[in-house]
Protein backbone atom coordinates (compact mmCIF):
# COMPACT_ATOMS: atom_id res chain seq x y z
CA GLN A 1 -10.50 -6.28 16.86
CA VAL A 2 -8.48 -4.49 14.19
CA LYS A 3 -8.05 -6.52 11.05
CA PHE A 4 -6.25 -5.84 7.80
CA VAL A 5 -6.54 -8.13 4.79
CA GLU A 6 -4.08 -7.37 2.00
CA SER A 7 -4.38 -9.00 -1.39
CA GLY A 8 -3.36 -8.66 -5.00
CA GLY A 9 0.33 -9.47 -4.75
CA GLY A 10 2.04 -12.03 -6.93
CA LEU A 11 4.59 -12.62 -9.67
CA VAL A 12 4.60 -10.26 -12.65
CA GLN A 13 6.98 -9.61 -15.51
CA PRO A 14 8.84 -6.30 -15.82
CA GLY A 15 6.56 -3.72 -17.38
CA GLY A 16 3.48 -5.42 -16.01
CA SER A 17 0.81 -4.20 -13.63
CA LEU A 18 -0.72 -5.23 -10.32
CA THR A 19 -3.34 -3.75 -8.03
CA LEU A 20 -2.97 -4.25 -4.30
CA SER A 21 -5.99 -4.06 -2.01
CA CYS A 22 -6.21 -3.53 1.74
CA ALA A 23 -9.50 -4.28 3.50
CA VAL A 24 -9.72 -2.78 6.96
CA SER A 25 -12.09 -3.52 9.82
CA GLY A 26 -12.23 -2.75 13.52
CA ILE A 27 -11.34 0.95 13.23
CA THR A 28 -13.12 4.07 12.02
CA PHE A 29 -11.40 3.90 8.66
CA ARG A 30 -12.35 7.37 7.44
CA VAL A 31 -10.41 9.17 10.22
CA TYR A 32 -7.11 7.46 9.45
CA ASP A 33 -4.49 8.55 6.95
CA MET A 34 -3.52 5.46 4.99
CA SER A 35 -0.20 4.45 3.51
CA TRP A 36 1.55 1.70 1.61
CA TYR A 37 5.04 0.70 2.69
CA ARG A 38 7.36 -1.92 1.26
CA GLN A 39 10.34 -3.88 2.45
CA ALA A 40 12.77 -5.62 0.14
CA PRO A 41 15.09 -8.39 1.38
CA GLY A 42 17.98 -6.94 3.34
CA LYS A 43 16.57 -3.42 3.22
CA GLU A 44 14.64 -1.21 5.60
CA ARG A 45 10.94 -0.70 5.26
CA GLU A 46 10.21 2.37 3.13
CA LEU A 47 7.19 4.56 2.53
CA VAL A 48 5.71 4.12 -0.94
CA ALA A 49 2.58 6.29 -0.92
CA THR A 50 0.22 8.08 1.44
CA ILE A 51 -3.37 9.26 1.12
CA THR A 52 -5.20 11.57 3.52
CA THR A 53 -8.49 10.78 5.24
CA THR A 54 -10.69 12.22 2.50
CA GLY A 55 -8.45 11.17 -0.34
CA ASP A 56 -7.89 14.73 -1.49
CA SER A 57 -4.13 14.61 -1.04
CA THR A 58 -1.58 11.97 -1.94
CA ASN A 59 2.19 11.68 -1.78
CA TYR A 60 4.58 9.25 -3.40
CA ALA A 61 8.16 8.14 -3.09
CA ASP A 62 10.23 9.49 -5.97
CA SER A 63 10.95 5.95 -7.12
CA VAL A 64 7.26 5.24 -7.87
CA LYS A 65 5.94 8.64 -9.00
CA GLY A 66 4.13 8.41 -12.29
CA ARG A 67 3.83 4.62 -12.04
CA PHE A 68 1.85 3.96 -8.84
CA THR A 69 -1.52 5.38 -7.79
CA ILE A 70 -2.93 5.18 -4.27
CA SER A 71 -6.67 5.44 -3.67
CA ARG A 72 -9.25 4.69 -1.00
CA ASP A 73 -12.94 3.94 -0.62
CA ASN A 74 -14.21 5.20 2.73
CA THR A 75 -17.60 3.59 2.16
CA GLY A 76 -16.10 0.15 1.76
CA ASN A 77 -13.15 0.61 4.15
CA MET A 78 -10.71 -0.21 1.37
CA MET A 79 -7.39 1.13 0.14
CA TYR A 80 -5.71 0.35 -3.16
CA LEU A 81 -2.35 0.66 -4.87
CA GLN A 82 -2.39 0.51 -8.65
CA MET A 83 1.12 -0.35 -9.82
CA ASN A 84 2.05 0.06 -13.48
CA ASN A 85 5.29 -0.40 -15.41
CA LEU A 86 6.67 -2.56 -12.63
CA LYS A 87 10.43 -2.97 -12.32
CA PRO A 88 12.53 -5.68 -10.64
CA GLU A 89 13.47 -3.16 -7.95
CA ASP A 90 9.80 -2.98 -6.96
CA THR A 91 10.09 -6.53 -5.62
CA ALA A 92 9.21 -6.41 -1.92
CA VAL A 93 6.63 -7.24 0.69
CA TYR A 94 4.03 -4.47 0.60
CA TYR A 95 2.26 -3.40 3.79
CA CYS A 96 -0.71 -1.18 4.39
CA ARG A 97 -0.77 1.10 7.38
CA ALA A 98 -3.45 3.16 9.09
CA TYR A 99 -2.21 6.19 11.01
CA ARG A 100 -4.02 8.64 13.25
CA SER A 101 -1.48 9.25 16.01
CA VAL A 102 1.54 7.62 17.60
CA PHE A 103 -0.94 5.90 19.91
CA SER A 104 -3.31 4.83 17.18
CA ASN A 105 -1.69 3.26 14.16
CA TYR A 106 -1.92 -0.21 12.69
CA TRP A 107 -0.13 -2.40 10.15
CA GLY A 108 -1.28 -5.10 7.80
CA GLN A 109 0.45 -8.47 7.49
CA GLY A 110 1.97 -7.77 4.08
CA THR A 111 1.63 -9.16 0.57
CA GLN A 112 4.54 -10.27 -1.62
CA VAL A 113 5.15 -8.60 -4.98
CA THR A 114 7.80 -10.16 -7.21
CA VAL A 115 8.81 -8.58 -10.51
CA SER A 116 10.86 -10.97 -12.60
CA SER A 117 11.10 -12.40 -16.09
């Protein structure tokens, strides 16, 4: 059974920081590229950051470059998103995703991040 447990979301003031975590079980974590997506109210889900299987390559949406850092721990089957200098426009539900192929990809249940004073 594939299971994702996302945590670390919450309410933070503009300029603050949060670290999201995604614990994965039920798949061979190390063979999956991992990503964080987000979806704000009334908007489509968008890709925030991606990390390859070994962690040697990452990509970010232009809107978060220089502020967010994606990382993974293949020993512990964990993925992280360190978010600094948060802005109100970062408010969204954040989802983790594991991708290997169109036939083998999985989503987490999401964690809410709210940036507001």
